[in-house]
Amino acid sequence: MPTSRVITWEVSESKGIETAWTELGGDVLRARGRAVGTTPEPYWISYELDTGNRFVTRRLSVGVESAGGVRTLDLRHDGAGRWTANGERLPEVDGALDCDLGLCPLTNTMPVLRHGLHRAPGERELRMAWVSVPDLTVLPSRQTYTHLEPGRIRFVSGDFRSDIEFDDDGFVVDYPSLATRLRRSGSCG
């Protein structure tokens, strides 16, 4: 039976906030999220993410609204390593199993869960279909995830490096220089 969670992060990199409604069951993740950011320009974003078995991305649907207008992206993975964006082939990201939505801490969850890196030693170098926000350009990205201790993983991509804290379910708690999960401060009556 899937477990549902609502997670909100303060996203320091975009000077904004993001909330994700997640369903995690077995080795499948489904989520929908909304975010607002003010950097590099003010924008609203909404997304839906579906994975197949082993947390492999099947589809990421994204909509962005900014001063530049409205943009959408329908990013799909065929399960055999091939990707399309709005129906057009993306051979430059072939072989990637995951998408990585820029400025979004949620999309770090899939590779961490697949390889159990939040719980056990290991290191994985991965090719990702990285989506730039707010322009929604899809680019290949080499990323390395290294287990440091339970709940702590070093993330490296190019010259960027950050030691990220994950909870027991594989969701980001603290991603220095990007985002920090907000704690619930009480209940509404």
N, C-alpha and C. Protein backbone atom coordinates (compact mmCIF):
# COMPACT_ATOMS: atom_id res chain seq x y z
N MET A 1 0.84 -1.18 0.00
CA MET A 1 0.00 0.00 0.00
C MET A 1 0.88 1.25 0.00
N PRO A 2 0.70 2.15 -0.96
CA PRO A 2 1.54 3.36 -1.03
C PRO A 2 1.34 4.24 0.20
N THR A 3 2.43 4.89 0.60
CA THR A 3 2.34 5.89 1.66
C THR A 3 2.37 7.28 1.03
N SER A 4 1.52 8.15 1.51
CA SER A 4 1.43 9.52 0.99
C SER A 4 2.05 10.49 1.98
N ARG A 5 2.77 11.46 1.44
CA ARG A 5 3.37 12.52 2.26
C ARG A 5 3.30 13.83 1.52
N VAL A 6 3.20 14.89 2.28
CA VAL A 6 3.32 16.23 1.73
C VAL A 6 4.58 16.83 2.33
N ILE A 7 5.49 17.29 1.46
CA ILE A 7 6.78 17.82 1.91
C ILE A 7 6.95 19.22 1.34
N THR A 8 7.37 20.15 2.19
CA THR A 8 7.62 21.52 1.74
C THR A 8 9.07 21.88 2.05
N TRP A 9 9.72 22.49 1.06
CA TRP A 9 11.09 22.96 1.22
C TRP A 9 11.17 24.45 0.99
N GLU A 10 12.03 25.11 1.74
CA GLU A 10 12.44 26.47 1.40
C GLU A 10 13.60 26.29 0.42
N VAL A 11 13.47 26.84 -0.77
CA VAL A 11 14.47 26.65 -1.82
C VAL A 11 15.32 27.92 -1.90
N SER A 12 16.45 27.90 -1.20
CA SER A 12 17.30 29.09 -1.11
C SER A 12 17.88 29.49 -2.47
N GLU A 13 18.20 28.52 -3.30
CA GLU A 13 18.81 28.80 -4.61
C GLU A 13 17.88 29.64 -5.49
N SER A 14 16.57 29.42 -5.41
CA SER A 14 15.61 30.19 -6.22
C SER A 14 14.94 31.29 -5.41
N LYS A 15 15.30 31.39 -4.12
CA LYS A 15 14.63 32.32 -3.20
C LYS A 15 13.13 32.09 -3.25
N GLY A 16 12.75 30.80 -3.10
CA GLY A 16 11.35 30.42 -3.22
C GLY A 16 10.97 29.30 -2.28
N ILE A 17 9.91 28.61 -2.65
CA ILE A 17 9.37 27.54 -1.84
C ILE A 17 8.78 26.48 -2.78
N GLU A 18 8.82 25.23 -2.35
CA GLU A 18 8.26 24.12 -3.12
C GLU A 18 7.51 23.18 -2.20
N THR A 19 6.38 22.70 -2.66
CA THR A 19 5.64 21.66 -1.96
C THR A 19 5.41 20.51 -2.91
N ALA A 20 5.66 19.28 -2.42
CA ALA A 20 5.45 18.07 -3.22
C ALA A 20 4.48 17.16 -2.49
N TRP A 21 3.50 16.65 -3.20
CA TRP A 21 2.57 15.64 -2.70
C TRP A 21 3.06 14.33 -3.28
N THR A 22 3.51 13.41 -2.43
CA THR A 22 4.17 12.19 -2.90
C THR A 22 3.39 10.94 -2.51
N GLU A 23 3.54 9.92 -3.35
CA GLU A 23 3.06 8.57 -3.05
C GLU A 23 4.21 7.63 -3.32
N LEU A 24 4.62 6.90 -2.29
CA LEU A 24 5.74 5.99 -2.38
C LEU A 24 5.23 4.60 -2.03
N GLY A 25 5.37 3.67 -2.98
CA GLY A 25 4.90 2.31 -2.74
C GLY A 25 5.79 1.31 -3.44
N GLY A 26 6.32 0.34 -2.69
CA GLY A 26 7.22 -0.65 -3.30
C GLY A 26 8.42 0.06 -3.87
N ASP A 27 8.61 -0.07 -5.18
CA ASP A 27 9.73 0.61 -5.84
C ASP A 27 9.24 1.60 -6.88
N VAL A 28 8.11 2.27 -6.57
CA VAL A 28 7.50 3.25 -7.47
C VAL A 28 7.24 4.55 -6.70
N LEU A 29 7.53 5.67 -7.34
CA LEU A 29 7.27 6.99 -6.78
C LEU A 29 6.39 7.77 -7.74
N ARG A 30 5.37 8.39 -7.19
CA ARG A 30 4.53 9.33 -7.94
C ARG A 30 4.48 10.62 -7.13
N ALA A 31 4.53 11.74 -7.82
CA ALA A 31 4.50 13.02 -7.11
C ALA A 31 3.94 14.11 -8.01
N ARG A 32 3.37 15.09 -7.35
CA ARG A 32 3.01 16.31 -8.03
C ARG A 32 3.48 17.44 -7.14
N GLY A 33 3.94 18.51 -7.75
CA GLY A 33 4.51 19.59 -6.96
C GLY A 33 4.21 20.94 -7.53
N ARG A 34 4.34 21.93 -6.67
CA ARG A 34 4.17 23.33 -7.05
C ARG A 34 5.32 24.10 -6.41
N ALA A 35 5.83 25.08 -7.13
CA ALA A 35 6.92 25.89 -6.60
C ALA A 35 6.79 27.31 -7.12
N VAL A 36 7.31 28.22 -6.35
CA VAL A 36 7.44 29.61 -6.77
C VAL A 36 8.88 30.01 -6.49
N GLY A 37 9.47 30.72 -7.41
CA GLY A 37 10.84 31.19 -7.22
C GLY A 37 10.95 32.62 -7.70
N THR A 38 11.99 33.30 -7.25
CA THR A 38 12.22 34.68 -7.68
C THR A 38 13.56 34.84 -8.40
N THR A 39 14.38 33.77 -8.42
CA THR A 39 15.68 33.80 -9.06
C THR A 39 15.81 32.58 -9.96
N PRO A 40 16.24 32.67 -11.19
CA PRO A 40 16.87 33.81 -11.85
C PRO A 40 15.86 34.88 -12.29
N GLU A 41 14.56 34.56 -12.27
CA GLU A 41 13.49 35.52 -12.54
C GLU A 41 12.26 34.99 -11.82
N PRO A 42 11.29 35.83 -11.49
CA PRO A 42 10.08 35.33 -10.84
C PRO A 42 9.36 34.31 -11.73
N TYR A 43 8.96 33.18 -11.12
CA TYR A 43 8.25 32.15 -11.88
C TYR A 43 7.38 31.31 -10.95
N TRP A 44 6.37 30.67 -11.55
CA TRP A 44 5.54 29.64 -10.93
C TRP A 44 5.82 28.37 -11.68
N ILE A 45 5.85 27.25 -11.00
CA ILE A 45 6.07 25.98 -11.68
C ILE A 45 5.14 24.93 -11.08
N SER A 46 4.67 24.04 -11.93
CA SER A 46 3.93 22.87 -11.46
C SER A 46 4.48 21.66 -12.21
N TYR A 47 4.49 20.51 -11.52
CA TYR A 47 5.02 19.31 -12.17
C TYR A 47 4.30 18.07 -11.68
N GLU A 48 4.36 17.05 -12.50
CA GLU A 48 3.91 15.70 -12.14
C GLU A 48 5.01 14.74 -12.55
N LEU A 49 5.34 13.84 -11.65
CA LEU A 49 6.41 12.86 -11.86
C LEU A 49 5.86 11.47 -11.65
N ASP A 50 6.13 10.56 -12.58
CA ASP A 50 5.77 9.16 -12.43
C ASP A 50 7.00 8.32 -12.72
N THR A 51 7.24 7.34 -11.85
CA THR A 51 8.32 6.39 -12.12
C THR A 51 7.72 5.01 -12.33
N GLY A 52 8.50 4.17 -12.98
CA GLY A 52 8.16 2.76 -13.11
C GLY A 52 8.90 2.00 -12.02
N ASN A 53 9.03 0.71 -12.22
CA ASN A 53 9.75 -0.14 -11.27
C ASN A 53 11.18 0.34 -11.08
N ARG A 54 11.69 0.14 -9.86
CA ARG A 54 13.04 0.54 -9.47
C ARG A 54 13.24 2.05 -9.54
N PHE A 55 12.15 2.80 -9.44
CA PHE A 55 12.18 4.27 -9.40
C PHE A 55 12.76 4.88 -10.68
N VAL A 56 12.64 4.19 -11.80
CA VAL A 56 13.10 4.71 -13.09
C VAL A 56 12.04 5.66 -13.63
N THR A 57 12.44 6.87 -13.98
CA THR A 57 11.50 7.86 -14.48
C THR A 57 10.76 7.35 -15.71
N ARG A 58 9.46 7.48 -15.70
CA ARG A 58 8.65 7.23 -16.90
C ARG A 58 8.25 8.55 -17.54
N ARG A 59 7.82 9.51 -16.69
CA ARG A 59 7.34 10.77 -17.24
C ARG A 59 7.51 11.90 -16.23
N LEU A 60 7.92 13.04 -16.74
CA LEU A 60 7.92 14.29 -15.99
C LEU A 60 7.20 15.32 -16.84
N SER A 61 6.10 15.83 -16.33
CA SER A 61 5.32 16.86 -17.01
C SER A 61 5.48 18.14 -16.20
N VAL A 62 5.94 19.22 -16.86
CA VAL A 62 6.24 20.47 -16.17
C VAL A 62 5.60 21.64 -16.90
N GLY A 63 5.05 22.57 -16.13
CA GLY A 63 4.55 23.83 -16.67
C GLY A 63 5.17 24.97 -15.89
N VAL A 64 5.63 26.01 -16.59
CA VAL A 64 6.24 27.18 -15.96
C VAL A 64 5.56 28.43 -16.50
N GLU A 65 5.29 29.37 -15.60
CA GLU A 65 4.79 30.67 -16.00
C GLU A 65 5.74 31.73 -15.44
N SER A 66 6.20 32.62 -16.33
CA SER A 66 7.10 33.70 -15.93
C SER A 66 6.80 34.90 -16.82
N ALA A 67 7.57 35.97 -16.65
CA ALA A 67 7.38 37.16 -17.49
C ALA A 67 7.57 36.82 -18.97
N GLY A 68 8.33 35.77 -19.24
CA GLY A 68 8.57 35.34 -20.62
C GLY A 68 7.43 34.55 -21.22
N GLY A 69 6.38 34.28 -20.43
CA GLY A 69 5.23 33.53 -20.94
C GLY A 69 5.10 32.19 -20.25
N VAL A 70 4.32 31.33 -20.88
CA VAL A 70 4.05 29.99 -20.35
C VAL A 70 4.82 28.98 -21.20
N ARG A 71 5.53 28.06 -20.53
CA ARG A 71 6.26 26.99 -21.21
C ARG A 71 5.83 25.66 -20.60
N THR A 72 5.83 24.62 -21.42
CA THR A 72 5.51 23.29 -20.91
C THR A 72 6.53 22.29 -21.43
N LEU A 73 6.68 21.22 -20.68
CA LEU A 73 7.59 20.14 -21.07
C LEU A 73 6.92 18.82 -20.71
N ASP A 74 6.87 17.93 -21.69
CA ASP A 74 6.41 16.56 -21.46
C ASP A 74 7.61 15.66 -21.75
N LEU A 75 8.34 15.31 -20.69
CA LEU A 75 9.58 14.52 -20.80
C LEU A 75 9.24 13.07 -20.51
N ARG A 76 9.56 12.19 -21.47
CA ARG A 76 9.22 10.77 -21.33
C ARG A 76 10.43 9.89 -21.57
N HIS A 77 10.47 8.80 -20.78
CA HIS A 77 11.49 7.78 -20.90
C HIS A 77 10.79 6.48 -21.31
N ASP A 78 11.31 5.80 -22.31
CA ASP A 78 10.62 4.62 -22.85
C ASP A 78 10.93 3.32 -22.09
N GLY A 79 11.73 3.38 -21.04
CA GLY A 79 12.08 2.18 -20.29
C GLY A 79 13.27 1.43 -20.87
N ALA A 80 13.69 1.81 -22.07
CA ALA A 80 14.83 1.17 -22.72
C ALA A 80 15.99 2.15 -22.90
N GLY A 81 15.93 3.29 -22.20
CA GLY A 81 17.03 4.24 -22.25
C GLY A 81 16.85 5.41 -23.19
N ARG A 82 15.73 5.48 -23.90
CA ARG A 82 15.51 6.58 -24.84
C ARG A 82 14.51 7.59 -24.27
N TRP A 83 14.75 8.86 -24.59
CA TRP A 83 13.95 9.97 -24.06
C TRP A 83 13.35 10.80 -25.19
N THR A 84 12.19 11.40 -24.89
CA THR A 84 11.60 12.40 -25.76
C THR A 84 11.18 13.60 -24.93
N ALA A 85 11.19 14.77 -25.54
CA ALA A 85 10.69 16.00 -24.93
C ALA A 85 9.65 16.57 -25.88
N ASN A 86 8.41 16.65 -25.42
CA ASN A 86 7.29 17.11 -26.26
C ASN A 86 7.25 16.35 -27.59
N GLY A 87 7.53 15.05 -27.52
CA GLY A 87 7.46 14.18 -28.69
C GLY A 87 8.71 14.11 -29.54
N GLU A 88 9.69 14.96 -29.28
CA GLU A 88 10.94 14.99 -30.06
C GLU A 88 12.01 14.16 -29.34
N ARG A 89 12.72 13.30 -30.09
CA ARG A 89 13.79 12.48 -29.51
C ARG A 89 14.89 13.34 -28.92
N LEU A 90 15.48 12.86 -27.84
CA LEU A 90 16.60 13.53 -27.16
C LEU A 90 17.77 12.56 -27.05
N PRO A 91 18.48 12.28 -28.15
CA PRO A 91 19.56 11.29 -28.10
C PRO A 91 20.69 11.67 -27.14
N GLU A 92 20.86 12.97 -26.85
CA GLU A 92 21.95 13.40 -25.97
C GLU A 92 21.76 12.93 -24.51
N VAL A 93 20.55 12.52 -24.12
CA VAL A 93 20.35 12.01 -22.76
C VAL A 93 20.05 10.51 -22.74
N ASP A 94 20.17 9.86 -23.90
CA ASP A 94 19.96 8.41 -23.95
C ASP A 94 20.83 7.71 -22.92
N GLY A 95 20.27 6.69 -22.29
CA GLY A 95 20.98 5.93 -21.28
C GLY A 95 20.67 6.38 -19.86
N ALA A 96 20.16 7.60 -19.70
CA ALA A 96 19.79 8.08 -18.37
C ALA A 96 18.56 7.32 -17.88
N LEU A 97 18.50 7.04 -16.60
CA LEU A 97 17.32 6.41 -16.00
C LEU A 97 16.42 7.43 -15.32
N ASP A 98 17.01 8.58 -14.97
CA ASP A 98 16.29 9.55 -14.17
C ASP A 98 16.28 10.93 -14.80
N CYS A 99 15.23 11.68 -14.46
CA CYS A 99 15.21 13.11 -14.73
C CYS A 99 15.73 13.80 -13.47
N ASP A 100 16.18 15.03 -13.62
CA ASP A 100 16.57 15.87 -12.50
C ASP A 100 16.04 17.26 -12.79
N LEU A 101 14.93 17.61 -12.16
CA LEU A 101 14.32 18.92 -12.35
C LEU A 101 15.12 19.93 -11.55
N GLY A 102 15.70 20.92 -12.24
CA GLY A 102 16.52 21.93 -11.59
C GLY A 102 15.78 22.61 -10.45
N LEU A 103 16.51 22.92 -9.39
CA LEU A 103 16.00 23.62 -8.21
C LEU A 103 14.94 22.83 -7.46
N CYS A 104 14.85 21.51 -7.72
CA CYS A 104 13.82 20.66 -7.12
C CYS A 104 14.48 19.55 -6.31
N PRO A 105 14.40 19.60 -4.97
CA PRO A 105 15.03 18.56 -4.16
C PRO A 105 14.37 17.19 -4.30
N LEU A 106 13.14 17.12 -4.76
CA LEU A 106 12.45 15.84 -4.86
C LEU A 106 13.14 14.87 -5.82
N THR A 107 13.66 15.36 -6.95
CA THR A 107 14.18 14.44 -7.97
C THR A 107 15.53 13.82 -7.60
N ASN A 108 16.10 14.17 -6.44
CA ASN A 108 17.27 13.44 -5.94
C ASN A 108 16.87 12.11 -5.31
N THR A 109 15.58 11.93 -5.07
CA THR A 109 15.09 10.74 -4.37
C THR A 109 15.24 9.46 -5.19
N MET A 110 14.96 9.50 -6.48
CA MET A 110 14.93 8.26 -7.28
C MET A 110 16.25 7.48 -7.26
N PRO A 111 17.40 8.10 -7.59
CA PRO A 111 18.64 7.31 -7.58
C PRO A 111 19.03 6.86 -6.18
N VAL A 112 18.72 7.67 -5.17
CA VAL A 112 19.05 7.31 -3.79
C VAL A 112 18.27 6.07 -3.37
N LEU A 113 16.97 6.04 -3.67
CA LEU A 113 16.16 4.87 -3.31
C LEU A 113 16.56 3.64 -4.13
N ARG A 114 16.77 3.80 -5.42
CA ARG A 114 17.12 2.66 -6.27
C ARG A 114 18.35 1.94 -5.76
N HIS A 115 19.34 2.69 -5.31
CA HIS A 115 20.61 2.10 -4.89
C HIS A 115 20.75 2.01 -3.36
N GLY A 116 19.72 2.43 -2.62
CA GLY A 116 19.76 2.35 -1.16
C GLY A 116 20.87 3.15 -0.53
N LEU A 117 21.30 4.23 -1.19
CA LEU A 117 22.46 4.98 -0.73
C LEU A 117 22.22 5.75 0.57
N HIS A 118 20.97 5.97 0.94
CA HIS A 118 20.69 6.66 2.20
C HIS A 118 20.85 5.72 3.40
N ARG A 119 21.03 4.43 3.12
CA ARG A 119 21.12 3.44 4.20
C ARG A 119 22.44 2.66 4.20
N ALA A 120 23.02 2.42 3.03
CA ALA A 120 24.17 1.51 2.95
C ALA A 120 25.29 2.11 2.10
N PRO A 121 26.53 1.71 2.37
CA PRO A 121 27.67 2.21 1.61
C PRO A 121 27.54 1.94 0.12
N GLY A 122 28.09 2.84 -0.65
CA GLY A 122 28.13 2.69 -2.09
C GLY A 122 28.36 4.02 -2.76
N GLU A 123 28.68 3.95 -4.04
CA GLU A 123 28.85 5.14 -4.86
C GLU A 123 28.34 4.83 -6.25
N ARG A 124 27.63 5.75 -6.84
CA ARG A 124 27.09 5.57 -8.18
C ARG A 124 27.33 6.81 -9.01
N GLU A 125 27.89 6.62 -10.21
CA GLU A 125 27.99 7.70 -11.18
C GLU A 125 26.85 7.49 -12.16
N LEU A 126 26.06 8.53 -12.35
CA LEU A 126 24.83 8.42 -13.14
C LEU A 126 24.76 9.49 -14.21
N ARG A 127 24.09 9.16 -15.28
CA ARG A 127 23.75 10.11 -16.33
C ARG A 127 22.29 10.50 -16.10
N MET A 128 22.01 11.79 -16.07
CA MET A 128 20.67 12.28 -15.80
C MET A 128 20.17 13.13 -16.96
N ALA A 129 18.85 13.16 -17.11
CA ALA A 129 18.19 14.11 -18.02
C ALA A 129 17.84 15.32 -17.15
N TRP A 130 18.73 16.31 -17.14
CA TRP A 130 18.59 17.48 -16.27
C TRP A 130 17.74 18.54 -16.96
N VAL A 131 16.76 19.06 -16.23
CA VAL A 131 15.83 20.07 -16.77
C VAL A 131 16.12 21.41 -16.11
N SER A 132 16.55 22.37 -16.90
CA SER A 132 16.85 23.71 -16.41
C SER A 132 15.55 24.46 -16.11
N VAL A 133 15.54 25.16 -14.98
CA VAL A 133 14.37 25.95 -14.58
C VAL A 133 14.78 27.41 -14.53
N PRO A 134 14.00 28.32 -15.11
CA PRO A 134 12.63 28.17 -15.58
C PRO A 134 12.47 27.95 -17.09
N ASP A 135 13.57 27.79 -17.85
CA ASP A 135 13.43 27.70 -19.31
C ASP A 135 13.08 26.31 -19.82
N LEU A 136 13.19 25.26 -18.98
CA LEU A 136 12.82 23.88 -19.30
C LEU A 136 13.66 23.24 -20.41
N THR A 137 14.89 23.68 -20.56
CA THR A 137 15.84 23.04 -21.47
C THR A 137 16.30 21.73 -20.84
N VAL A 138 16.37 20.66 -21.64
CA VAL A 138 16.81 19.34 -21.14
C VAL A 138 18.24 19.10 -21.62
N LEU A 139 19.13 18.81 -20.67
CA LEU A 139 20.54 18.61 -20.96
C LEU A 139 21.05 17.36 -20.25
N PRO A 140 22.09 16.70 -20.80
CA PRO A 140 22.69 15.58 -20.08
C PRO A 140 23.49 16.10 -18.89
N SER A 141 23.50 15.34 -17.81
CA SER A 141 24.24 15.74 -16.62
C SER A 141 24.84 14.49 -15.98
N ARG A 142 26.16 14.52 -15.76
CA ARG A 142 26.84 13.45 -15.02
C ARG A 142 26.78 13.81 -13.55
N GLN A 143 26.32 12.88 -12.73
CA GLN A 143 26.19 13.12 -11.30
C GLN A 143 26.71 11.90 -10.55
N THR A 144 27.38 12.17 -9.42
CA THR A 144 27.87 11.09 -8.57
C THR A 144 27.23 11.22 -7.20
N TYR A 145 26.69 10.11 -6.71
CA TYR A 145 26.10 10.01 -5.39
C TYR A 145 26.96 9.06 -4.57
N THR A 146 27.47 9.51 -3.40
CA THR A 146 28.33 8.70 -2.55
C THR A 146 27.78 8.67 -1.13
N HIS A 147 27.52 7.47 -0.63
CA HIS A 147 27.06 7.30 0.76
C HIS A 147 28.19 7.70 1.70
N LEU A 148 27.92 8.64 2.62
CA LEU A 148 28.91 9.05 3.61
C LEU A 148 28.64 8.39 4.96
N GLU A 149 27.38 8.33 5.33
CA GLU A 149 26.89 7.69 6.56
C GLU A 149 25.38 7.57 6.39
N PRO A 150 24.71 6.78 7.22
CA PRO A 150 23.26 6.68 7.06
C PRO A 150 22.60 8.06 7.05
N GLY A 151 21.82 8.31 6.00
CA GLY A 151 21.12 9.57 5.86
C GLY A 151 21.93 10.71 5.29
N ARG A 152 23.18 10.49 4.93
CA ARG A 152 24.02 11.57 4.38
C ARG A 152 24.74 11.08 3.12
N ILE A 153 24.55 11.84 2.04
CA ILE A 153 25.10 11.46 0.74
C ILE A 153 25.80 12.65 0.11
N ARG A 154 26.99 12.42 -0.41
CA ARG A 154 27.70 13.48 -1.15
C ARG A 154 27.23 13.45 -2.60
N PHE A 155 26.81 14.61 -3.08
CA PHE A 155 26.37 14.78 -4.46
C PHE A 155 27.41 15.64 -5.17
N VAL A 156 27.87 15.15 -6.34
CA VAL A 156 28.85 15.89 -7.14
C VAL A 156 28.38 15.91 -8.58
N SER A 157 28.40 17.11 -9.17
CA SER A 157 28.11 17.27 -10.60
C SER A 157 29.01 18.39 -11.11
N GLY A 158 29.96 18.04 -11.98
CA GLY A 158 30.92 19.04 -12.44
C GLY A 158 31.71 19.57 -11.25
N ASP A 159 31.78 20.90 -11.12
CA ASP A 159 32.49 21.54 -10.00
C ASP A 159 31.62 21.69 -8.76
N PHE A 160 30.33 21.35 -8.87
CA PHE A 160 29.40 21.50 -7.74
C PHE A 160 29.46 20.28 -6.84
N ARG A 161 29.44 20.53 -5.52
CA ARG A 161 29.49 19.44 -4.54
C ARG A 161 28.68 19.85 -3.32
N SER A 162 27.88 18.91 -2.80
CA SER A 162 27.10 19.18 -1.60
C SER A 162 26.85 17.87 -0.85
N ASP A 163 26.90 17.92 0.47
CA ASP A 163 26.60 16.76 1.31
C ASP A 163 25.15 16.90 1.76
N ILE A 164 24.28 16.04 1.23
CA ILE A 164 22.84 16.15 1.40
C ILE A 164 22.35 15.20 2.49
N GLU A 165 21.43 15.69 3.32
CA GLU A 165 20.80 14.87 4.35
C GLU A 165 19.46 14.35 3.84
N PHE A 166 19.24 13.04 3.97
CA PHE A 166 18.01 12.38 3.55
C PHE A 166 17.34 11.74 4.77
N ASP A 167 16.00 11.63 4.71
CA ASP A 167 15.30 10.92 5.78
C ASP A 167 15.29 9.42 5.46
N ASP A 168 14.66 8.63 6.34
CA ASP A 168 14.63 7.17 6.17
C ASP A 168 13.90 6.73 4.91
N ASP A 169 13.00 7.58 4.39
CA ASP A 169 12.25 7.25 3.17
C ASP A 169 12.96 7.70 1.90
N GLY A 170 14.12 8.35 2.03
CA GLY A 170 14.89 8.76 0.86
C GLY A 170 14.55 10.15 0.33
N PHE A 171 13.85 10.97 1.13
CA PHE A 171 13.52 12.34 0.72
C PHE A 171 14.51 13.32 1.36
N VAL A 172 14.83 14.39 0.62
CA VAL A 172 15.78 15.39 1.08
C VAL A 172 15.25 16.12 2.32
N VAL A 173 16.11 16.21 3.33
CA VAL A 173 15.84 17.01 4.53
C VAL A 173 16.60 18.33 4.43
N ASP A 174 17.90 18.24 4.09
CA ASP A 174 18.73 19.44 3.97
C ASP A 174 19.70 19.25 2.82
N TYR A 175 19.63 20.17 1.87
CA TYR A 175 20.51 20.17 0.70
C TYR A 175 21.23 21.51 0.73
N PRO A 176 22.39 21.59 1.42
CA PRO A 176 23.07 22.87 1.57
C PRO A 176 23.24 23.59 0.23
N SER A 177 22.96 24.86 0.24
CA SER A 177 23.01 25.79 -0.89
C SER A 177 21.84 25.62 -1.85
N LEU A 178 20.93 24.65 -1.62
CA LEU A 178 19.77 24.51 -2.49
C LEU A 178 18.46 24.62 -1.70
N ALA A 179 18.23 23.71 -0.75
CA ALA A 179 16.92 23.66 -0.11
C ALA A 179 16.97 23.02 1.27
N THR A 180 16.03 23.43 2.12
CA THR A 180 15.87 22.87 3.46
C THR A 180 14.39 22.58 3.69
N ARG A 181 14.11 21.38 4.18
CA ARG A 181 12.73 21.02 4.45
C ARG A 181 12.19 21.87 5.60
N LEU A 182 10.97 22.33 5.45
CA LEU A 182 10.31 23.08 6.51
C LEU A 182 9.60 22.09 7.42
N ARG A 183 9.69 22.35 8.71
CA ARG A 183 9.03 21.50 9.70
C ARG A 183 7.65 22.06 9.96
N ARG A 184 6.73 21.16 10.25
CA ARG A 184 5.39 21.59 10.64
C ARG A 184 5.48 22.21 12.01
N SER A 185 4.89 23.40 12.15
CA SER A 185 5.02 24.12 13.42
C SER A 185 3.76 24.07 14.27
N GLY A 186 2.82 23.26 13.88
CA GLY A 186 1.59 23.17 14.65
C GLY A 186 0.46 22.71 13.75
N SER A 187 -0.72 22.66 14.30
CA SER A 187 -1.85 22.22 13.49
C SER A 187 -2.88 23.33 13.42
N CYS A 188 -3.67 23.27 12.38
CA CYS A 188 -4.74 24.23 12.21
C CYS A 188 -5.96 23.70 12.93
N GLY A 189 -6.68 24.54 13.57
CA GLY A 189 -7.83 24.07 14.30
C GLY A 189 -9.05 24.43 13.66
